[in-house]
N, C-alpha and C. Protein backbone atom coordinates (compact mmCIF):
# COMPACT_ATOMS: atom_id res chain seq x y z
N MET A 1 0.90 -1.30 -0.13
CA MET A 1 0.00 0.08 -0.02
C MET A 1 0.89 1.21 -0.15
N LYS A 2 1.86 1.11 0.73
CA LYS A 2 2.91 2.44 0.77
C LYS A 2 3.54 2.77 -0.58
N ALA A 3 3.59 1.56 -1.44
CA ALA A 3 4.33 2.04 -2.71
C ALA A 3 3.15 2.63 -3.72
N HIS A 4 1.93 2.33 -3.52
CA HIS A 4 0.78 2.90 -4.05
C HIS A 4 0.64 4.25 -3.65
N VAL A 5 0.87 4.69 -2.35
CA VAL A 5 0.77 6.12 -2.01
C VAL A 5 2.03 6.90 -2.75
N THR A 6 3.14 6.28 -2.49
CA THR A 6 4.29 6.92 -3.25
C THR A 6 4.07 7.41 -4.67
N ALA A 7 3.48 6.32 -5.38
CA ALA A 7 3.44 6.44 -6.81
C ALA A 7 2.23 7.63 -6.99
N SER A 8 1.48 7.63 -6.38
CA SER A 8 0.24 8.54 -6.24
C SER A 8 0.76 9.97 -6.14
N GLU A 9 1.64 9.91 -5.04
CA GLU A 9 2.35 11.45 -4.71
C GLU A 9 3.47 11.77 -5.84
N GLN A 10 4.03 10.85 -6.21
CA GLN A 10 4.83 11.21 -7.37
C GLN A 10 4.15 11.83 -8.70
N ARG A 11 2.83 11.06 -8.88
CA ARG A 11 2.22 11.57 -10.18
C ARG A 11 1.62 13.12 -9.82
N THR A 12 1.22 13.32 -8.60
CA THR A 12 0.77 14.48 -8.14
C THR A 12 1.83 15.54 -8.24
N LYS A 13 3.18 15.29 -7.59
CA LYS A 13 4.19 15.96 -7.71
C LYS A 13 4.69 16.52 -9.27
N ALA A 14 4.58 15.58 -9.96
CA ALA A 14 4.85 15.69 -11.44
C ALA A 14 3.90 16.98 -12.09
N HIS A 15 2.59 16.41 -11.81
CA HIS A 15 1.67 17.25 -12.40
C HIS A 15 1.58 18.65 -11.71
N ILE A 16 1.84 18.91 -10.45
CA ILE A 16 2.29 20.24 -9.90
C ILE A 16 3.30 20.97 -10.63
N ASP A 17 4.52 20.15 -10.78
CA ASP A 17 5.62 20.79 -11.42
C ASP A 17 5.51 21.07 -12.66
N GLU A 18 4.80 20.18 -13.45
CA GLU A 18 4.50 20.73 -14.95
C GLU A 18 3.60 21.88 -14.90
N SER A 19 2.58 22.05 -14.16
CA SER A 19 1.69 23.29 -14.15
C SER A 19 2.78 24.47 -13.70
N GLU A 20 3.35 24.38 -12.87
CA GLU A 20 4.40 25.54 -12.38
C GLU A 20 5.12 25.92 -13.54
N GLN A 21 5.60 24.99 -14.36
CA GLN A 21 6.57 25.07 -15.55
C GLN A 21 5.71 25.99 -16.49
N ARG A 22 4.47 25.52 -16.82
CA ARG A 22 3.60 26.13 -17.68
C ARG A 22 3.10 27.54 -17.38
N THR A 23 2.98 27.62 -16.20
CA THR A 23 2.63 28.96 -15.48
C THR A 23 3.75 30.00 -15.33
N LYS A 24 5.05 29.56 -15.25
CA LYS A 24 6.08 30.37 -15.24
C LYS A 24 6.45 30.91 -16.67
N ALA A 25 6.14 30.05 -17.55
CA ALA A 25 6.54 30.37 -19.02
C ALA A 25 5.54 31.21 -19.56
N TYR A 26 4.14 31.09 -18.97
CA TYR A 26 3.25 32.11 -19.46
C TYR A 26 3.26 33.28 -18.79
N VAL A 27 3.74 33.60 -17.65
CA VAL A 27 4.24 34.66 -17.07
C VAL A 27 5.35 35.49 -17.44
N ASP A 28 6.31 34.69 -17.90
CA ASP A 28 7.50 35.36 -18.33
C ASP A 28 7.17 35.82 -19.92
N ALA A 29 6.45 34.99 -20.69
CA ALA A 29 5.99 35.39 -22.08
C ALA A 29 5.11 36.78 -21.64
N LYS A 30 4.11 36.86 -20.85
CA LYS A 30 3.42 38.29 -20.74
C LYS A 30 4.15 39.15 -20.27
N THR A 31 5.21 39.16 -19.47
CA THR A 31 5.94 40.05 -18.85
C THR A 31 6.97 40.49 -19.81
N ALA A 32 7.44 39.82 -20.62
CA ALA A 32 8.32 40.45 -21.97
C ALA A 32 7.37 41.06 -22.95
N GLU A 33 6.08 40.73 -23.08
CA GLU A 33 5.22 41.35 -23.89
C GLU A 33 4.74 42.63 -23.34
N LEU A 34 4.54 43.07 -22.16
CA LEU A 34 4.19 43.89 -21.39
C LEU A 34 5.36 44.93 -21.46
N LYS A 35 6.49 44.38 -21.40
CA LYS A 35 7.89 45.44 -21.32
C LYS A 35 8.12 46.00 -22.77
N GLU A 36 7.59 45.23 -23.59
CA GLU A 36 7.88 45.85 -25.11
C GLU A 36 6.83 46.93 -25.24
N GLU A 37 5.64 46.52 -25.02
CA GLU A 37 4.45 47.45 -25.14
C GLU A 37 4.78 48.91 -24.26
N PHE A 38 5.09 48.73 -23.09
CA PHE A 38 5.43 49.86 -22.22
C PHE A 38 6.53 50.57 -22.59
N SER A 39 7.59 49.90 -23.33
CA SER A 39 8.84 50.54 -23.64
C SER A 39 8.31 51.41 -25.15
N SER A 40 7.64 50.80 -25.82
CA SER A 40 6.97 51.43 -27.18
C SER A 40 6.22 52.54 -26.47
N ALA A 41 5.38 52.40 -25.80
CA ALA A 41 4.55 53.51 -25.31
C ALA A 41 5.18 54.45 -24.69
N LEU A 42 6.20 54.30 -24.05
CA LEU A 42 7.13 55.36 -23.64
C LEU A 42 7.84 56.18 -24.46
N ALA A 43 8.34 55.62 -25.54
CA ALA A 43 8.83 56.34 -26.56
C ALA A 43 8.17 57.14 -27.22
N HIS A 44 6.77 56.72 -27.53
CA HIS A 44 5.73 57.59 -28.05
C HIS A 44 5.45 58.72 -27.36
N VAL A 45 5.15 58.65 -26.00
CA VAL A 45 4.97 59.64 -25.09
C VAL A 45 6.18 60.49 -25.15
N GLY A 46 7.51 60.10 -24.97
CA GLY A 46 8.46 61.14 -25.09
C GLY A 46 8.56 61.79 -26.28
N PHE A 47 8.16 61.32 -27.48
CA PHE A 47 8.12 61.99 -28.76
C PHE A 47 6.96 63.09 -28.87
N ASN A 48 6.00 62.71 -28.01
CA ASN A 48 4.87 63.63 -28.06
C ASN A 48 5.12 64.84 -27.11
N ILE A 49 5.83 64.63 -26.09
CA ILE A 49 6.18 65.73 -25.19
C ILE A 49 6.89 66.89 -25.95
N VAL A 50 8.06 66.38 -26.67
CA VAL A 50 8.81 67.31 -27.76
C VAL A 50 7.77 67.99 -28.62
N ALA A 51 7.00 67.13 -29.36
CA ALA A 51 6.05 67.89 -30.41
C ALA A 51 5.14 68.89 -29.63
N ARG A 52 4.64 68.53 -28.53
CA ARG A 52 3.95 69.48 -27.72
C ARG A 52 4.71 70.91 -27.41
N LEU A 53 5.73 70.77 -26.99
CA LEU A 53 6.86 71.77 -26.64
C LEU A 53 7.22 72.84 -27.88
N LYS A 54 7.17 71.90 -29.05
CA LYS A 54 7.50 72.75 -30.30
C LYS A 54 6.05 73.49 -30.67
N ASN A 55 4.78 72.77 -30.50
CA ASN A 55 3.69 73.49 -30.86
C ASN A 55 3.22 74.72 -29.99
N VAL A 56 3.76 74.65 -28.85
CA VAL A 56 3.42 75.69 -27.89
C VAL A 56 4.32 76.98 -28.57
N ALA A 57 5.39 76.85 -28.78
CA ALA A 57 6.42 77.94 -29.24
C ALA A 57 5.99 78.25 -30.69
N ALA A 58 5.36 77.35 -31.36
CA ALA A 58 5.13 77.64 -32.96
C ALA A 58 4.22 78.91 -33.10
N ALA A 59 4.60 79.83 -34.05
CA ALA A 59 3.90 80.81 -34.46
C ALA A 59 2.69 80.46 -35.27
N THR A 60 1.68 81.36 -35.21
CA THR A 60 0.31 81.03 -35.79
C THR A 60 0.35 80.37 -36.92
N ASP A 61 1.08 80.89 -37.78
CA ASP A 61 1.28 80.35 -39.34
C ASP A 61 2.39 79.26 -39.48
N ALA A 62 2.87 78.67 -38.36
CA ALA A 62 3.89 77.75 -38.55
C ALA A 62 3.49 76.45 -38.56
N PRO A 63 3.98 75.35 -39.24
CA PRO A 63 3.33 74.00 -39.11
C PRO A 63 3.37 73.57 -37.86
N LEU A 64 2.12 72.73 -37.35
CA LEU A 64 2.16 72.14 -36.13
C LEU A 64 2.73 70.72 -36.31
N GLU A 65 3.37 70.32 -35.38
CA GLU A 65 4.07 69.02 -35.04
C GLU A 65 2.86 68.00 -34.88
N LYS A 66 2.88 66.89 -35.59
CA LYS A 66 1.97 65.79 -35.34
C LYS A 66 2.39 65.18 -34.27
N LEU A 67 1.40 64.59 -33.31
CA LEU A 67 1.64 63.69 -32.37
C LEU A 67 1.35 62.04 -32.70
N LYS A 68 2.21 61.40 -32.16
CA LYS A 68 1.81 59.92 -32.25
C LYS A 68 0.83 59.24 -31.56
N LYS A 69 0.18 58.43 -32.03
CA LYS A 69 -0.73 57.64 -31.29
C LYS A 69 -0.03 56.89 -30.24
N GLU A 70 -0.25 56.84 -28.96
CA GLU A 70 0.61 56.37 -27.94
C GLU A 70 0.41 54.97 -27.62
N SER A 71 -0.83 54.30 -27.73
CA SER A 71 -1.13 53.02 -27.36
C SER A 71 -2.04 52.48 -28.34
N GLY A 72 -2.46 51.18 -28.03
CA GLY A 72 -3.37 50.50 -28.92
C GLY A 72 -3.22 50.19 -30.46
N GLN A 73 -3.91 49.83 -31.06
CA GLN A 73 -3.83 49.46 -32.37
C GLN A 73 -3.05 50.60 -33.17
N ASN A 74 -2.19 50.25 -34.00
CA ASN A 74 -1.43 51.33 -34.86
C ASN A 74 -0.55 52.45 -33.91
N ALA A 75 -0.47 51.98 -32.81
CA ALA A 75 0.67 52.88 -31.75
C ALA A 75 1.81 53.32 -32.60
N GLY A 76 2.31 54.60 -32.52
CA GLY A 76 3.17 55.13 -33.23
C GLY A 76 2.98 55.82 -34.57
N SER A 77 1.78 55.81 -34.94
CA SER A 77 1.22 56.26 -36.23
C SER A 77 0.95 57.60 -36.02
N MET A 78 0.98 58.51 -37.24
CA MET A 78 0.39 59.99 -36.91
C MET A 78 -0.84 59.94 -38.03
N PRO A 79 -1.80 60.85 -37.77
CA PRO A 79 -2.83 61.02 -38.63
C PRO A 79 -2.51 61.73 -39.63
N PRO A 80 -3.33 61.67 -40.72
CA PRO A 80 -3.13 62.49 -41.98
C PRO A 80 -3.55 64.05 -41.86
N SER A 81 -3.20 64.74 -42.76
CA SER A 81 -3.76 65.92 -42.76
C SER A 81 -4.60 66.36 -44.11
N PRO A 82 -5.78 66.85 -43.89
CA PRO A 82 -6.52 66.85 -42.63
C PRO A 82 -6.93 65.27 -42.36
N PRO A 83 -7.32 65.22 -41.10
CA PRO A 83 -7.99 66.01 -40.38
C PRO A 83 -7.09 67.00 -39.34
N PHE A 84 -5.73 66.37 -39.31
CA PHE A 84 -4.82 67.06 -38.33
C PHE A 84 -4.66 68.57 -39.10
N PRO A 85 -4.85 69.66 -38.23
CA PRO A 85 -4.55 70.95 -38.96
C PRO A 85 -3.15 71.22 -39.18
N ALA A 86 -3.01 71.91 -40.28
CA ALA A 86 -1.57 72.47 -40.53
C ALA A 86 -0.95 73.41 -39.75
N ASP A 87 -1.66 74.47 -39.02
CA ASP A 87 -0.94 75.48 -38.14
C ASP A 87 -2.09 75.72 -37.26
N LYS A 88 -1.71 76.65 -36.20
CA LYS A 88 -2.71 77.08 -35.39
C LYS A 88 -3.85 77.81 -36.01
N ALA A 89 -3.72 78.83 -37.04
CA ALA A 89 -4.73 79.39 -37.67
C ALA A 89 -5.70 78.66 -38.14
N ALA A 90 -5.50 77.29 -38.83
CA ALA A 90 -6.03 76.29 -39.13
C ALA A 90 -6.87 75.66 -37.98
N LEU A 91 -6.19 75.33 -36.88
CA LEU A 91 -6.68 74.60 -35.65
C LEU A 91 -7.99 75.48 -35.18
N PHE A 92 -7.56 76.82 -35.04
CA PHE A 92 -8.61 77.60 -34.29
C PHE A 92 -9.51 78.39 -35.28
N GLY A 93 -9.37 78.15 -36.68
CA GLY A 93 -10.20 78.93 -37.67
C GLY A 93 -10.94 77.91 -38.54
N THR A 94 -10.43 76.91 -39.14
CA THR A 94 -11.15 76.32 -40.07
C THR A 94 -11.32 74.61 -39.70
N THR A 95 -10.85 74.17 -38.45
CA THR A 95 -11.05 72.75 -38.34
C THR A 95 -12.39 72.79 -37.81
N THR A 96 -13.07 71.41 -38.62
CA THR A 96 -14.31 71.26 -38.45
C THR A 96 -14.76 70.12 -37.54
N ALA A 97 -15.80 70.11 -37.29
CA ALA A 97 -16.26 69.07 -36.01
C ALA A 97 -15.95 67.52 -36.46
N GLU A 98 -15.98 67.35 -37.77
CA GLU A 98 -15.58 66.22 -38.39
C GLU A 98 -14.21 65.78 -38.37
N HIS A 99 -13.17 66.81 -38.62
CA HIS A 99 -11.87 66.73 -38.24
C HIS A 99 -11.62 66.34 -36.77
N ILE A 100 -12.19 66.95 -35.98
CA ILE A 100 -12.14 66.84 -34.48
C ILE A 100 -12.54 65.39 -34.12
N ASN A 101 -13.63 64.94 -34.73
CA ASN A 101 -14.25 63.60 -34.41
C ASN A 101 -13.23 62.55 -35.08
N ALA A 102 -12.60 62.97 -36.10
CA ALA A 102 -11.64 61.85 -36.64
C ALA A 102 -10.41 61.79 -35.88
N LEU A 103 -9.85 62.86 -35.31
CA LEU A 103 -8.83 63.03 -34.36
C LEU A 103 -9.18 62.24 -33.34
N GLN A 104 -10.17 62.74 -32.66
CA GLN A 104 -10.67 61.86 -31.46
C GLN A 104 -10.89 60.56 -31.51
N ASN A 105 -11.30 59.93 -32.61
CA ASN A 105 -11.20 58.63 -32.95
C ASN A 105 -9.93 57.78 -33.00
N PHE A 106 -8.94 58.69 -33.85
CA PHE A 106 -7.56 58.33 -33.99
C PHE A 106 -6.82 57.97 -32.75
N TYR A 107 -6.90 59.33 -31.82
CA TYR A 107 -5.88 59.17 -30.69
C TYR A 107 -6.72 58.56 -29.60
N GLY A 108 -7.94 58.42 -29.73
CA GLY A 108 -8.68 57.56 -28.63
C GLY A 108 -8.92 58.65 -27.36
N VAL A 109 -8.92 59.76 -27.61
CA VAL A 109 -9.03 60.92 -26.68
C VAL A 109 -10.37 61.69 -26.97
N GLU A 110 -11.33 62.06 -26.13
CA GLU A 110 -12.46 62.76 -26.28
C GLU A 110 -12.08 64.10 -26.33
N PHE A 111 -12.55 65.10 -27.18
CA PHE A 111 -12.06 66.55 -27.19
C PHE A 111 -13.68 67.13 -26.90
N GLY A 112 -14.09 67.06 -25.51
CA GLY A 112 -15.47 67.74 -25.26
C GLY A 112 -16.32 66.64 -24.82
N ALA A 113 -16.76 66.67 -23.59
CA ALA A 113 -17.83 65.76 -23.09
C ALA A 113 -19.09 65.76 -24.04
N GLY A 114 -19.46 64.58 -24.17
CA GLY A 114 -20.69 64.57 -25.10
C GLY A 114 -20.42 64.92 -26.30
N ALA A 115 -19.34 64.23 -27.01
CA ALA A 115 -18.83 64.65 -28.27
C ALA A 115 -19.77 64.85 -29.39
N ALA A 116 -19.47 65.52 -30.22
CA ALA A 116 -20.42 65.94 -31.43
C ALA A 116 -20.78 64.95 -32.14
N GLU A 117 -22.23 64.90 -32.58
CA GLU A 117 -22.85 63.95 -33.11
C GLU A 117 -23.37 64.53 -34.70
N ALA A 118 -23.01 63.73 -35.60
CA ALA A 118 -23.45 64.22 -37.11
C ALA A 118 -22.86 65.51 -37.41
N GLY A 119 -21.52 65.61 -36.77
CA GLY A 119 -20.81 66.87 -37.38
C GLY A 119 -21.19 67.96 -36.67
N ARG A 120 -22.24 68.07 -35.49
CA ARG A 120 -22.49 69.31 -34.85
C ARG A 120 -21.98 69.24 -33.45
N ALA A 121 -21.70 70.45 -32.88
CA ALA A 121 -21.23 70.34 -31.41
C ALA A 121 -22.30 70.49 -30.52
N SER A 122 -22.06 69.78 -29.41
CA SER A 122 -23.17 69.51 -28.44
C SER A 122 -23.53 70.89 -27.84
N ARG A 123 -24.53 70.92 -27.19
CA ARG A 123 -24.91 72.33 -26.51
C ARG A 123 -23.97 72.74 -25.51
N THR A 124 -23.35 71.89 -24.87
CA THR A 124 -22.30 72.22 -23.69
C THR A 124 -20.86 72.44 -24.45
N ASN A 125 -20.61 71.86 -25.63
CA ASN A 125 -19.33 72.06 -26.24
C ASN A 125 -19.59 72.52 -27.75
N THR A 126 -19.24 73.82 -27.69
CA THR A 126 -19.27 74.50 -28.93
C THR A 126 -17.93 73.96 -29.82
N LEU A 127 -18.21 74.19 -31.15
CA LEU A 127 -16.98 73.94 -32.00
C LEU A 127 -15.84 74.76 -31.52
N GLN A 128 -15.97 75.92 -31.13
CA GLN A 128 -14.87 76.73 -30.62
C GLN A 128 -14.24 75.97 -29.28
N GLN A 129 -15.02 75.42 -28.50
CA GLN A 129 -14.63 75.00 -27.47
C GLN A 129 -13.80 73.57 -27.44
N ARG A 130 -14.43 72.73 -28.39
CA ARG A 130 -13.65 71.59 -28.77
C ARG A 130 -12.52 71.92 -29.79
N ARG A 131 -12.31 72.97 -30.38
CA ARG A 131 -10.91 73.24 -31.01
C ARG A 131 -10.07 73.63 -30.02
N ARG A 132 -10.28 74.30 -28.87
CA ARG A 132 -9.51 74.77 -27.84
C ARG A 132 -9.04 73.47 -27.01
N GLN A 133 -9.97 72.63 -26.95
CA GLN A 133 -9.57 71.14 -26.33
C GLN A 133 -8.55 70.53 -27.25
N LEU A 134 -8.83 70.53 -28.25
CA LEU A 134 -7.76 69.74 -29.22
C LEU A 134 -6.46 70.64 -29.09
N GLY A 135 -6.68 71.80 -29.23
CA GLY A 135 -5.27 72.72 -28.98
C GLY A 135 -4.58 72.44 -27.92
N ALA A 136 -5.21 72.19 -26.59
CA ALA A 136 -4.64 72.02 -25.62
C ALA A 136 -3.89 70.58 -25.51
N PHE A 137 -4.63 69.73 -26.22
CA PHE A 137 -3.86 68.26 -26.28
C PHE A 137 -2.79 68.29 -27.19
N LEU A 138 -3.09 69.21 -28.17
CA LEU A 138 -1.67 69.30 -29.06
C LEU A 138 -0.58 70.19 -28.63
N GLY A 139 -1.04 70.77 -27.54
CA GLY A 139 0.38 71.79 -26.88
C GLY A 139 0.12 73.16 -27.88
N ALA A 140 -0.87 73.44 -28.49
CA ALA A 140 -1.04 74.72 -29.29
C ALA A 140 -2.00 75.52 -28.60
N ARG A 141 -1.38 76.43 -28.08
CA ARG A 141 -2.43 77.52 -27.37
C ARG A 141 -2.43 78.88 -28.00
């Protein structure tokens, strides 16, 4: 009977060891994946900090620096122009609600609570307010 208990204990220990190895391999793989994502996102954040500083200092008619998408699908990519405004004059003068909505979807950031529907600003967020919110996000004030 003791030999039967020992064999059962050995099978249980082998099963536990195998489970631990699978768990460790899974955790190691996920850790490496998260490190890569974090490192990539951090690089995009750093790029965007510099772009925002350039946008703060830019003249009204100077080109705005595009920001990179920081995370999610297509992280590191930049939006097309339009909807991205060419300069501060365009941002605050000719950028439409549709442009803002497209940038909002691209970056995953909402520029105005209750975002505009069908190209119209909500009652609480006029187009001018949404342009200012987008400007703040871009560092263009």
